[in-house]
Amino acid sequence: MIRTSGAALLLAVVSCAAPSVDQRPGPIIPVPVAAAGAPGDVAALILELGSEDYGGRERASTELVRRGQDPALQVAVVGALRAAATASDPEIRLRARETLRRIDRSDNLVPGTDRPESPMSFSVSGAGVEMSVKFWQRLFADGSAELEVEVNGGPRELFSGSSVAELASRVNEAARKRGYSPEQFQMLENGGMKFGGSTITSGEPGRDHLLRDWGLWVSLASRSDGLTPPAVWGGWVVQARALSGKAFESGIQLRDVLLEVDGKKASTIQELASLLNQAREITVVRSEPRRVVLTPK
């Protein structure tokens, strides 16, 4: 039961050692991943993305987007498209990535982790090798993650996983196939990157924000930002919410503040998770938008 009351990736980069490769590196080759558990009709639509018929490809993509907007189907459709985004067929791979972007997951997307015009970028030089790498990373409230990689201005390749650790496993497998050793490149299970003796770390560790079972990414509302009203100090702001999980089923909305659980306030994410898992009543502060007409003077 929810009771509502009314109320108004930093990165640290150090100098990178050049990988000992004999030639200018190209794009990371994607690794095919089976779409395990995808419904048969969804799998058929994904195969149609590689059809020689342009109209067939467009219809399949449109239908996958339509199904991906359905809360009851989004998890299965997005999971299948993530797998297809690493398919060996380049047309399916490209279409799957485009279709993923067309599915509206804005409620689920963690703010600040999708900056298409501001990728994480760095360069490596030395030993006759010049390498420029760009990363685009997206995190979601259901714990899943996506990473796009561009090496030396080549085509972007998208990797995705149901968790950051799974994503790292897929990126590392692709890097090994491309010829990079673990000493030259390794993606860490916490989302960090290692290049030779250098490390890039993320400033948004998921364990400090993610309630996976509830499909929520939250942050503590406090007086320190100078903007949060006193009425919600000590509550937890819903910054992202998945279209699955207990939060969606319970009626929790994006930008709600979880103020109390069974009359108690949680001071840590671990305490909040513990309270929610036994919750009978959640008190939420919610600002309802209203239309105001102003007359300029």
C-alpha atoms as a PDB file:
ATOM      1  CA  MET A   1       0.000   0.000   0.000  1.00  0.00           C
ATOM      2  CA  ILE A   2       1.279   3.465  -0.847  1.00  0.00           C
ATOM      3  CA  ARG A   3       0.099   6.563   1.011  1.00  0.00           C
ATOM      4  CA  THR A   4       0.811   9.841  -0.793  1.00  0.00           C
ATOM      5  CA  SER A   5       1.220  13.302   0.737  1.00  0.00           C
ATOM      6  CA  GLY A   6       1.343  16.389  -1.495  1.00  0.00           C
ATOM      7  CA  ALA A   7       4.427  18.702  -1.655  1.00  0.00           C
ATOM      8  CA  ALA A   8       5.969  20.787  -3.804  1.00  0.00           C
ATOM      9  CA  LEU A   9      29.925   9.725 -14.465  1.00  0.00           C
ATOM     10  CA  LEU A  10      32.707  11.531 -13.122  1.00  0.00           C
ATOM     11  CA  LEU A  11      35.869   9.885 -14.460  1.00  0.00           C
ATOM     12  CA  ALA A  12      39.437   9.876 -13.146  1.00  0.00           C
ATOM     13  CA  VAL A  13      41.856   9.232 -15.999  1.00  0.00           C
ATOM     14  CA  VAL A  14      45.586   8.763 -15.627  1.00  0.00           C
ATOM     15  CA  SER A  15      48.146   8.381 -18.393  1.00  0.00           C
ATOM     16  CA  CYS A  16      47.563   5.200 -20.389  1.00  0.00           C
ATOM     17  CA  ALA A  17      50.191   2.689 -21.462  1.00  0.00           C
ATOM     18  CA  ALA A  18      49.971   1.691 -25.123  1.00  0.00           C
ATOM     19  CA  PRO A  19      48.889  -1.866 -25.924  1.00  0.00           C
ATOM     20  CA  SER A  20      51.598  -3.828 -27.689  1.00  0.00           C
ATOM     21  CA  VAL A  21      49.849  -4.511 -30.994  1.00  0.00           C
ATOM     22  CA  ASP A  22      51.465  -4.594 -34.410  1.00  0.00           C
ATOM     23  CA  GLN A  23      48.980  -2.405 -36.224  1.00  0.00           C
ATOM     24  CA  ARG A  24      46.488   0.365 -35.700  1.00  0.00           C
ATOM     25  CA  PRO A  25      43.581  -1.220 -33.792  1.00  0.00           C
ATOM     26  CA  GLY A  26      40.169  -1.281 -35.408  1.00  0.00           C
ATOM     27  CA  PRO A  27      36.673  -1.694 -33.982  1.00  0.00           C
ATOM     28  CA  ILE A  28      36.055  -4.270 -31.271  1.00  0.00           C
ATOM     29  CA  ILE A  29      34.356  -7.235 -32.927  1.00  0.00           C
ATOM     30  CA  PRO A  30      30.986  -7.985 -31.296  1.00  0.00           C
ATOM     31  CA  VAL A  31      30.358 -11.404 -29.795  1.00  0.00           C
ATOM     32  CA  PRO A  32      27.077 -13.145 -30.704  1.00  0.00           C
ATOM     33  CA  VAL A  33      24.903 -13.760 -27.643  1.00  0.00           C
ATOM     34  CA  ALA A  34      21.856 -16.011 -27.782  1.00  0.00           C
ATOM     35  CA  ALA A  35      18.510 -14.389 -27.001  1.00  0.00           C
ATOM     36  CA  ALA A  36      17.763 -16.908 -24.270  1.00  0.00           C
ATOM     37  CA  GLY A  37      14.104 -17.096 -23.292  1.00  0.00           C
ATOM     38  CA  ALA A  38      12.857 -14.712 -25.980  1.00  0.00           C
ATOM     39  CA  PRO A  39       9.284 -15.485 -27.093  1.00  0.00           C
ATOM     40  CA  GLY A  40       9.162 -17.160 -30.471  1.00  0.00           C
ATOM     41  CA  ASP A  41       7.354 -14.275 -32.163  1.00  0.00           C
ATOM     42  CA  VAL A  42       9.890 -11.774 -30.802  1.00  0.00           C
ATOM     43  CA  ALA A  43      12.761 -13.924 -32.066  1.00  0.00           C
ATOM     44  CA  ALA A  44      11.069 -14.097 -35.487  1.00  0.00           C
ATOM     45  CA  LEU A  45      10.724 -10.305 -35.580  1.00  0.00           C
ATOM     46  CA  ILE A  46      14.406  -9.915 -34.761  1.00  0.00           C
ATOM     47  CA  LEU A  47      15.359 -12.248 -37.603  1.00  0.00           C
ATOM     48  CA  GLU A  48      13.174 -10.100 -39.863  1.00  0.00           C
ATOM     49  CA  LEU A  49      15.417  -7.130 -39.011  1.00  0.00           C
ATOM     50  CA  GLY A  50      17.933  -8.729 -41.350  1.00  0.00           C
ATOM     51  CA  SER A  51      15.457  -9.282 -44.190  1.00  0.00           C
ATOM     52  CA  GLU A  52      16.436  -8.274 -47.714  1.00  0.00           C
ATOM     53  CA  ASP A  53      13.071  -6.509 -47.940  1.00  0.00           C
ATOM     54  CA  TYR A  54      13.333  -2.928 -46.644  1.00  0.00           C
ATOM     55  CA  GLY A  55       9.621  -2.787 -45.828  1.00  0.00           C
ATOM     56  CA  GLY A  56       9.900  -5.997 -43.838  1.00  0.00           C
ATOM     57  CA  ARG A  57      12.778  -4.598 -41.803  1.00  0.00           C
ATOM     58  CA  GLU A  58      10.833  -1.417 -41.070  1.00  0.00           C
ATOM     59  CA  ARG A  59       7.692  -3.304 -40.054  1.00  0.00           C
ATOM     60  CA  ALA A  60       9.660  -5.608 -37.758  1.00  0.00           C
ATOM     61  CA  SER A  61      11.404  -2.684 -36.078  1.00  0.00           C
ATOM     62  CA  THR A  62       8.134  -0.770 -35.618  1.00  0.00           C
ATOM     63  CA  GLU A  63       6.450  -3.824 -34.081  1.00  0.00           C
ATOM     64  CA  LEU A  64       9.370  -4.438 -31.717  1.00  0.00           C
ATOM     65  CA  VAL A  65       9.192  -0.807 -30.589  1.00  0.00           C
ATOM     66  CA  ARG A  66       5.435  -1.150 -30.002  1.00  0.00           C
ATOM     67  CA  ARG A  67       5.923  -4.266 -27.904  1.00  0.00           C
ATOM     68  CA  GLY A  68       8.874  -2.734 -26.108  1.00  0.00           C
ATOM     69  CA  GLN A  69       6.633   0.093 -24.847  1.00  0.00           C
ATOM     70  CA  ASP A  70       4.314  -2.457 -23.201  1.00  0.00           C
ATOM     71  CA  PRO A  71       5.301  -2.895 -19.528  1.00  0.00           C
ATOM     72  CA  ALA A  72       4.314  -6.569 -19.663  1.00  0.00           C
ATOM     73  CA  LEU A  73       6.633  -7.228 -22.627  1.00  0.00           C
ATOM     74  CA  GLN A  74       9.471  -4.712 -22.283  1.00  0.00           C
ATOM     75  CA  VAL A  75      11.838  -6.927 -20.300  1.00  0.00           C
ATOM     76  CA  ALA A  76      11.635  -9.762 -22.850  1.00  0.00           C
ATOM     77  CA  VAL A  77      11.824  -7.490 -25.910  1.00  0.00           C
ATOM     78  CA  VAL A  78      14.731  -5.395 -24.612  1.00  0.00           C
ATOM     79  CA  GLY A  79      16.610  -8.530 -23.551  1.00  0.00           C
ATOM     80  CA  ALA A  80      16.222 -10.074 -26.995  1.00  0.00           C
ATOM     81  CA  LEU A  81      17.297  -6.849 -28.722  1.00  0.00           C
ATOM     82  CA  ARG A  82      20.348  -6.585 -26.483  1.00  0.00           C
ATOM     83  CA  ALA A  83      21.395 -10.044 -27.585  1.00  0.00           C
ATOM     84  CA  ALA A  84      20.706  -9.179 -31.227  1.00  0.00           C
ATOM     85  CA  ALA A  85      22.863  -6.051 -30.893  1.00  0.00           C
ATOM     86  CA  THR A  86      25.866  -8.420 -30.863  1.00  0.00           C
ATOM     87  CA  ALA A  87      24.671 -10.640 -33.720  1.00  0.00           C
ATOM     88  CA  SER A  88      27.089 -11.655 -36.453  1.00  0.00           C
ATOM     89  CA  ASP A  89      24.727 -10.284 -39.123  1.00  0.00           C
ATOM     90  CA  PRO A  90      25.670  -6.566 -39.411  1.00  0.00           C
ATOM     91  CA  GLU A  91      22.170  -5.536 -40.558  1.00  0.00           C
ATOM     92  CA  ILE A  92      20.504  -7.221 -37.561  1.00  0.00           C
ATOM     93  CA  ARG A  93      23.142  -5.738 -35.288  1.00  0.00           C
ATOM     94  CA  LEU A  94      22.571  -2.202 -36.589  1.00  0.00           C
ATOM     95  CA  ARG A  95      18.782  -2.479 -36.585  1.00  0.00           C
ATOM     96  CA  ALA A  96      18.715  -3.961 -33.081  1.00  0.00           C
ATOM     97  CA  ARG A  97      20.740  -1.028 -31.735  1.00  0.00           C
ATOM     98  CA  GLU A  98      18.484   1.496 -33.481  1.00  0.00           C
ATOM     99  CA  THR A  99      15.352  -0.262 -32.224  1.00  0.00           C
ATOM    100  CA  LEU A 100      16.671  -0.271 -28.659  1.00  0.00           C
ATOM    101  CA  ARG A 101      17.153   3.488 -28.857  1.00  0.00           C
ATOM    102  CA  ARG A 102      13.617   3.997 -30.170  1.00  0.00           C
ATOM    103  CA  ILE A 103      12.010   2.206 -27.232  1.00  0.00           C
ATOM    104  CA  ASP A 104      11.177   4.812 -24.620  1.00  0.00           C
ATOM    105  CA  ARG A 105      12.969   3.796 -21.418  1.00  0.00           C
ATOM    106  CA  SER A 106      13.275   7.319 -20.053  1.00  0.00           C
ATOM    107  CA  ASP A 107      11.677   6.429 -16.704  1.00  0.00           C
ATOM    108  CA  ASN A 108      14.149   3.560 -16.355  1.00  0.00           C
ATOM    109  CA  LEU A 109      17.259   5.490 -17.441  1.00  0.00           C
ATOM    110  CA  VAL A 110      19.550   6.742 -14.683  1.00  0.00           C
ATOM    111  CA  PRO A 111      19.960  10.533 -15.117  1.00  0.00           C
ATOM    112  CA  GLY A 112      23.320  11.679 -16.402  1.00  0.00           C
ATOM    113  CA  THR A 113      24.340   8.326 -17.888  1.00  0.00           C
ATOM    114  CA  ASP A 114      23.167   8.993 -21.446  1.00  0.00           C
ATOM    115  CA  ARG A 115      25.101  11.906 -22.904  1.00  0.00           C
ATOM    116  CA  PRO A 116      25.257  11.270 -26.662  1.00  0.00           C
ATOM    117  CA  GLU A 117      27.199  14.477 -27.312  1.00  0.00           C
ATOM    118  CA  SER A 118      29.656  13.969 -24.451  1.00  0.00           C
ATOM    119  CA  PRO A 119      31.249  10.524 -24.582  1.00  0.00           C
ATOM    120  CA  MET A 120      33.993   9.389 -22.225  1.00  0.00           C
ATOM    121  CA  SER A 121      37.096   9.624 -24.372  1.00  0.00           C
ATOM    122  CA  PHE A 122      40.840   9.231 -24.130  1.00  0.00           C
ATOM    123  CA  SER A 123      43.832   8.427 -26.309  1.00  0.00           C
ATOM    124  CA  VAL A 124      46.776   6.077 -26.058  1.00  0.00           C
ATOM    125  CA  SER A 125      50.072   6.672 -27.836  1.00  0.00           C
ATOM    126  CA  GLY A 126      53.474   5.069 -27.885  1.00  0.00           C
ATOM    127  CA  ALA A 127      55.385   2.107 -29.319  1.00  0.00           C
ATOM    128  CA  GLY A 128      54.271   3.125 -32.790  1.00  0.00           C
ATOM    129  CA  VAL A 129      50.586   2.859 -31.882  1.00  0.00           C
ATOM    130  CA  GLU A 130      48.031   5.667 -31.855  1.00  0.00           C
ATOM    131  CA  MET A 131      44.607   4.730 -30.471  1.00  0.00           C
ATOM    132  CA  SER A 132      41.574   6.909 -29.775  1.00  0.00           C
ATOM    133  CA  VAL A 133      38.698   5.369 -27.813  1.00  0.00           C
ATOM    134  CA  LYS A 134      35.249   6.762 -26.996  1.00  0.00           C
ATOM    135  CA  PHE A 135      32.650   5.248 -24.644  1.00  0.00           C
ATOM    136  CA  TRP A 136      28.947   5.964 -24.220  1.00  0.00           C
ATOM    137  CA  GLN A 137      27.480   4.292 -21.133  1.00  0.00           C
ATOM    138  CA  ARG A 138      23.866   3.985 -20.003  1.00  0.00           C
ATOM    139  CA  LEU A 139      22.627   2.595 -16.678  1.00  0.00           C
ATOM    140  CA  PHE A 140      19.059   1.564 -15.892  1.00  0.00           C
ATOM    141  CA  ALA A 141      16.966   1.184 -12.744  1.00  0.00           C
ATOM    142  CA  ASP A 142      16.539  -2.552 -13.308  1.00  0.00           C
ATOM    143  CA  GLY A 143      20.301  -2.971 -12.902  1.00  0.00           C
ATOM    144  CA  SER A 144      21.041  -3.430 -16.592  1.00  0.00           C
ATOM    145  CA  ALA A 145      23.698  -1.488 -18.481  1.00  0.00           C
ATOM    146  CA  GLU A 146      24.704  -0.636 -22.033  1.00  0.00           C
ATOM    147  CA  LEU A 147      28.052   0.472 -23.430  1.00  0.00           C
ATOM    148  CA  GLU A 148      28.845   1.776 -26.896  1.00  0.00           C
ATOM    149  CA  VAL A 149      32.477   1.732 -27.997  1.00  0.00           C
ATOM    150  CA  GLU A 150      34.186   3.540 -30.867  1.00  0.00           C
ATOM    151  CA  VAL A 151      37.840   2.785 -31.611  1.00  0.00           C
ATOM    152  CA  ASN A 152      39.856   5.077 -33.921  1.00  0.00           C
ATOM    153  CA  GLY A 153      36.741   6.667 -35.423  1.00  0.00           C
ATOM    154  CA  GLY A 154      35.358   3.314 -36.566  1.00  0.00           C
ATOM    155  CA  PRO A 155      31.726   2.211 -36.285  1.00  0.00           C
ATOM    156  CA  ARG A 156      30.172   2.161 -32.841  1.00  0.00           C
ATOM    157  CA  GLU A 157      29.522  -1.256 -31.328  1.00  0.00           C
ATOM    158  CA  LEU A 158      26.911  -1.645 -28.604  1.00  0.00           C
ATOM    159  CA  PHE A 159      27.275  -4.113 -25.738  1.00  0.00           C
ATOM    160  CA  SER A 160      24.600  -4.746 -23.139  1.00  0.00           C
ATOM    161  CA  GLY A 161      23.945  -6.875 -20.102  1.00  0.00           C
ATOM    162  CA  SER A 162      21.356  -7.442 -17.399  1.00  0.00           C
ATOM    163  CA  SER A 163      24.008  -6.192 -14.941  1.00  0.00           C
ATOM    164  CA  VAL A 164      27.250  -4.221 -15.140  1.00  0.00           C
ATOM    165  CA  ALA A 165      29.155  -7.432 -14.365  1.00  0.00           C
ATOM    166  CA  GLU A 166      27.485  -9.255 -17.266  1.00  0.00           C
ATOM    167  CA  LEU A 167      28.195  -6.293 -19.534  1.00  0.00           C
ATOM    168  CA  ALA A 168      31.860  -6.376 -18.519  1.00  0.00           C
ATOM    169  CA  SER A 169      32.055 -10.084 -19.304  1.00  0.00           C
ATOM    170  CA  ARG A 170      30.728  -9.512 -22.833  1.00  0.00           C
ATOM    171  CA  VAL A 171      33.020  -6.544 -23.495  1.00  0.00           C
ATOM    172  CA  ASN A 172      36.050  -8.491 -22.259  1.00  0.00           C
ATOM    173  CA  GLU A 173      35.181 -11.497 -24.398  1.00  0.00           C
ATOM    174  CA  ALA A 174      34.969  -9.242 -27.439  1.00  0.00           C
ATOM    175  CA  ALA A 175      38.296  -7.598 -26.567  1.00  0.00           C
ATOM    176  CA  ARG A 176      39.993 -10.992 -26.280  1.00  0.00           C
ATOM    177  CA  LYS A 177      38.681 -11.972 -29.710  1.00  0.00           C
ATOM    178  CA  ARG A 178      40.026  -8.697 -31.084  1.00  0.00           C
ATOM    179  CA  GLY A 179      43.486  -9.556 -29.752  1.00  0.00           C
ATOM    180  CA  TYR A 180      43.687  -7.411 -26.609  1.00  0.00           C
ATOM    181  CA  SER A 181      45.150  -9.230 -23.604  1.00  0.00           C
ATOM    182  CA  PRO A 182      43.781  -8.660 -20.063  1.00  0.00           C
ATOM    183  CA  GLU A 183      46.950  -6.674 -19.350  1.00  0.00           C
ATOM    184  CA  GLN A 184      46.188  -4.333 -22.266  1.00  0.00           C
ATOM    185  CA  PHE A 185      42.459  -3.902 -21.640  1.00  0.00           C
ATOM    186  CA  GLN A 186      40.000  -5.133 -19.028  1.00  0.00           C
ATOM    187  CA  MET A 187      36.522  -3.912 -18.095  1.00  0.00           C
ATOM    188  CA  LEU A 188      35.916  -4.343 -14.373  1.00  0.00           C
ATOM    189  CA  GLU A 189      32.758  -5.781 -12.815  1.00  0.00           C
ATOM    190  CA  ASN A 190      32.047  -2.418 -11.178  1.00  0.00           C
ATOM    191  CA  GLY A 191      32.102  -0.647 -14.584  1.00  0.00           C
ATOM    192  CA  GLY A 192      35.670   0.655 -14.392  1.00  0.00           C
ATOM    193  CA  MET A 193      38.199   0.233 -17.218  1.00  0.00           C
ATOM    194  CA  LYS A 194      41.872  -0.767 -17.088  1.00  0.00           C
ATOM    195  CA  PHE A 195      44.293   0.135 -19.874  1.00  0.00           C
ATOM    196  CA  GLY A 196      47.753  -1.178 -19.126  1.00  0.00           C
ATOM    197  CA  GLY A 197      48.655   0.302 -15.762  1.00  0.00           C
ATOM    198  CA  SER A 198      45.931   2.948 -15.909  1.00  0.00           C
ATOM    199  CA  THR A 199      42.390   2.807 -14.517  1.00  0.00           C
ATOM    200  CA  ILE A 200      39.208   4.728 -15.315  1.00  0.00           C
ATOM    201  CA  THR A 201      36.646   4.575 -12.535  1.00  0.00           C
ATOM    202  CA  SER A 202      32.982   5.553 -12.395  1.00  0.00           C
ATOM    203  CA  GLY A 203      31.672   7.972  -9.790  1.00  0.00           C
ATOM    204  CA  GLU A 204      28.222   6.323  -9.645  1.00  0.00           C
ATOM    205  CA  PRO A 205      28.670   2.890  -7.984  1.00  0.00           C
ATOM    206  CA  GLY A 206      25.392   1.030  -8.414  1.00  0.00           C
ATOM    207  CA  ARG A 207      25.348  -0.461  -4.933  1.00  0.00           C
ATOM    208  CA  ASP A 208      24.916   3.036  -3.497  1.00  0.00           C
ATOM    209  CA  HIS A 209      21.797   3.781  -5.526  1.00  0.00           C
ATOM    210  CA  LEU A 210      20.215   0.621  -6.923  1.00  0.00           C
ATOM    211  CA  LEU A 211      17.296  -1.346  -5.490  1.00  0.00           C
ATOM    212  CA  ARG A 212      17.262  -4.085  -8.122  1.00  0.00           C
ATOM    213  CA  ASP A 213      14.312  -6.103  -6.752  1.00  0.00           C
ATOM    214  CA  TRP A 214      12.208  -2.949  -6.729  1.00  0.00           C
ATOM    215  CA  GLY A 215      13.478  -1.631 -10.061  1.00  0.00           C
ATOM    216  CA  LEU A 216      14.531   1.674  -8.480  1.00  0.00           C
ATOM    217  CA  TRP A 217      17.537   3.990  -8.628  1.00  0.00           C
ATOM    218  CA  VAL A 218      17.322   6.387  -5.686  1.00  0.00           C
ATOM    219  CA  SER A 219      19.301   9.133  -3.978  1.00  0.00           C
ATOM    220  CA  LEU A 220      19.054  10.515  -0.468  1.00  0.00           C
ATOM    221  CA  ALA A 221      17.242  13.850  -0.161  1.00  0.00           C
ATOM    222  CA  SER A 222      19.209  16.122   2.139  1.00  0.00           C
ATOM    223  CA  ARG A 223      19.719  19.760   3.051  1.00  0.00           C
ATOM    224  CA  SER A 224      23.240  19.764   1.581  1.00  0.00           C
ATOM    225  CA  ASP A 225      22.151  20.658  -1.951  1.00  0.00           C
ATOM    226  CA  GLY A 226      20.388  23.824  -0.783  1.00  0.00           C
ATOM    227  CA  LEU A 227      17.386  23.036  -3.011  1.00  0.00           C
ATOM    228  CA  THR A 228      15.576  20.150  -1.337  1.00  0.00           C
ATOM    229  CA  PRO A 229      12.655  21.341   0.844  1.00  0.00           C
ATOM    230  CA  PRO A 230      12.870  20.416   4.554  1.00  0.00           C
ATOM    231  CA  ALA A 231       9.644  18.378   4.284  1.00  0.00           C
ATOM    232  CA  VAL A 232      11.478  15.609   2.434  1.00  0.00           C
ATOM    233  CA  TRP A 233      14.893  15.650   4.151  1.00  0.00           C
ATOM    234  CA  GLY A 234      15.871  12.079   4.928  1.00  0.00           C
ATOM    235  CA  GLY A 235      13.651  10.634   2.206  1.00  0.00           C
ATOM    236  CA  TRP A 236      14.816   8.844  -0.947  1.00  0.00           C
ATOM    237  CA  VAL A 237      14.227  10.459  -4.348  1.00  0.00           C
ATOM    238  CA  VAL A 238      13.243   8.086  -7.170  1.00  0.00           C
ATOM    239  CA  GLN A 239      15.587   9.125  -9.994  1.00  0.00           C
ATOM    240  CA  ALA A 240      14.761   6.158 -12.235  1.00  0.00           C
ATOM    241  CA  ARG A 241      12.124   3.416 -12.158  1.00  0.00           C
ATOM    242  CA  ALA A 242      11.829   0.317 -14.306  1.00  0.00           C
ATOM    243  CA  LEU A 243       8.646  -0.870 -16.016  1.00  0.00           C
ATOM    244  CA  SER A 244       8.936  -4.048 -13.988  1.00  0.00           C
ATOM    245  CA  GLY A 245       9.581  -4.952 -10.387  1.00  0.00           C
ATOM    246  CA  LYS A 246       7.845  -4.241  -7.114  1.00  0.00           C
ATOM    247  CA  ALA A 247       7.973  -0.437  -7.398  1.00  0.00           C
ATOM    248  CA  PHE A 248       6.077  -0.379 -10.694  1.00  0.00           C
ATOM    249  CA  GLU A 249       3.537  -2.883  -9.371  1.00  0.00           C
ATOM    250  CA  SER A 250       3.091  -0.865  -6.161  1.00  0.00           C
ATOM    251  CA  GLY A 251       2.434   2.411  -7.996  1.00  0.00           C
ATOM    252  CA  ILE A 252       5.671   4.233  -7.144  1.00  0.00           C
ATOM    253  CA  GLN A 253       6.350   6.919  -9.742  1.00  0.00           C
ATOM    254  CA  LEU A 254       9.410   8.674 -11.104  1.00  0.00           C
ATOM    255  CA  ARG A 255      10.502  11.607  -8.866  1.00  0.00           C
ATOM    256  CA  ASP A 256       8.495  10.348  -5.885  1.00  0.00           C
ATOM    257  CA  VAL A 257      10.241  10.755  -2.526  1.00  0.00           C
ATOM    258  CA  LEU A 258      10.058   7.613  -0.388  1.00  0.00           C
ATOM    259  CA  LEU A 259       9.700   9.351   2.964  1.00  0.00           C
ATOM    260  CA  GLU A 260       8.820   6.526   5.357  1.00  0.00           C
ATOM    261  CA  VAL A 261       8.311   2.780   5.266  1.00  0.00           C
ATOM    262  CA  ASP A 262       5.913   1.573   7.954  1.00  0.00           C
ATOM    263  CA  GLY A 263       6.524   4.850   9.789  1.00  0.00           C
ATOM    264  CA  LYS A 264      10.337   4.506   9.727  1.00  0.00           C
ATOM    265  CA  LYS A 265      12.979   6.511   7.883  1.00  0.00           C
ATOM    266  CA  ALA A 266      15.984   4.785   6.345  1.00  0.00           C
ATOM    267  CA  SER A 267      19.401   6.426   6.673  1.00  0.00           C
ATOM    268  CA  THR A 268      21.228   4.051   4.289  1.00  0.00           C
ATOM    269  CA  ILE A 269      20.371   2.273   1.046  1.00  0.00           C
ATOM    270  CA  GLN A 270      20.795  -1.058   2.830  1.00  0.00           C
ATOM    271  CA  GLU A 271      18.315  -0.037   5.527  1.00  0.00           C
ATOM    272  CA  LEU A 272      15.855   1.165   2.891  1.00  0.00           C
ATOM    273  CA  ALA A 273      16.082  -2.149   1.053  1.00  0.00           C
ATOM    274  CA  SER A 274      15.475  -4.065   4.273  1.00  0.00           C
ATOM    275  CA  LEU A 275      12.450  -1.958   5.198  1.00  0.00           C
ATOM    276  CA  LEU A 276      10.932  -2.177   1.711  1.00  0.00           C
ATOM    277  CA  ASN A 277      11.231  -5.957   1.609  1.00  0.00           C
ATOM    278  CA  GLN A 278       8.900  -6.145   4.632  1.00  0.00           C
ATOM    279  CA  ALA A 279       6.795  -3.067   3.883  1.00  0.00           C
ATOM    280  CA  ARG A 280       3.082  -2.848   4.584  1.00  0.00           C
ATOM    281  CA  GLU A 281       2.785   0.896   3.968  1.00  0.00           C
ATOM    282  CA  ILE A 282       5.050   3.332   2.099  1.00  0.00           C
ATOM    283  CA  THR A 283       4.630   7.082   2.614  1.00  0.00           C
ATOM    284  CA  VAL A 284       5.481   8.954  -0.579  1.00  0.00           C
ATOM    285  CA  VAL A 285       5.832  12.709  -1.131  1.00  0.00           C
ATOM    286  CA  ARG A 286       4.645  13.508  -4.629  1.00  0.00           C
ATOM    287  CA  SER A 287       4.427  16.879  -6.387  1.00  0.00           C
ATOM    288  CA  GLU A 288       1.470  16.937  -8.742  1.00  0.00           C
ATOM    289  CA  PRO A 289       2.067  19.243 -11.720  1.00  0.00           C
ATOM    290  CA  ARG A 290      -0.515  21.968 -12.246  1.00  0.00           C
ATOM    291  CA  ARG A 291      -1.034  24.508 -15.016  1.00  0.00           C
ATOM    292  CA  VAL A 292      -0.427  28.157 -14.150  1.00  0.00           C
ATOM    293  CA  VAL A 293      -1.064  31.140 -16.494  1.00  0.00           C
ATOM    294  CA  LEU A 294       1.174  34.131 -15.855  1.00  0.00           C
ATOM    295  CA  THR A 295       0.617  37.719 -17.015  1.00  0.00           C
ATOM    296  CA  PRO A 296       3.930  39.472 -17.627  1.00  0.00           C
ATOM    297  CA  LYS A 297       4.275  43.093 -16.464  1.00  0.00           C
END
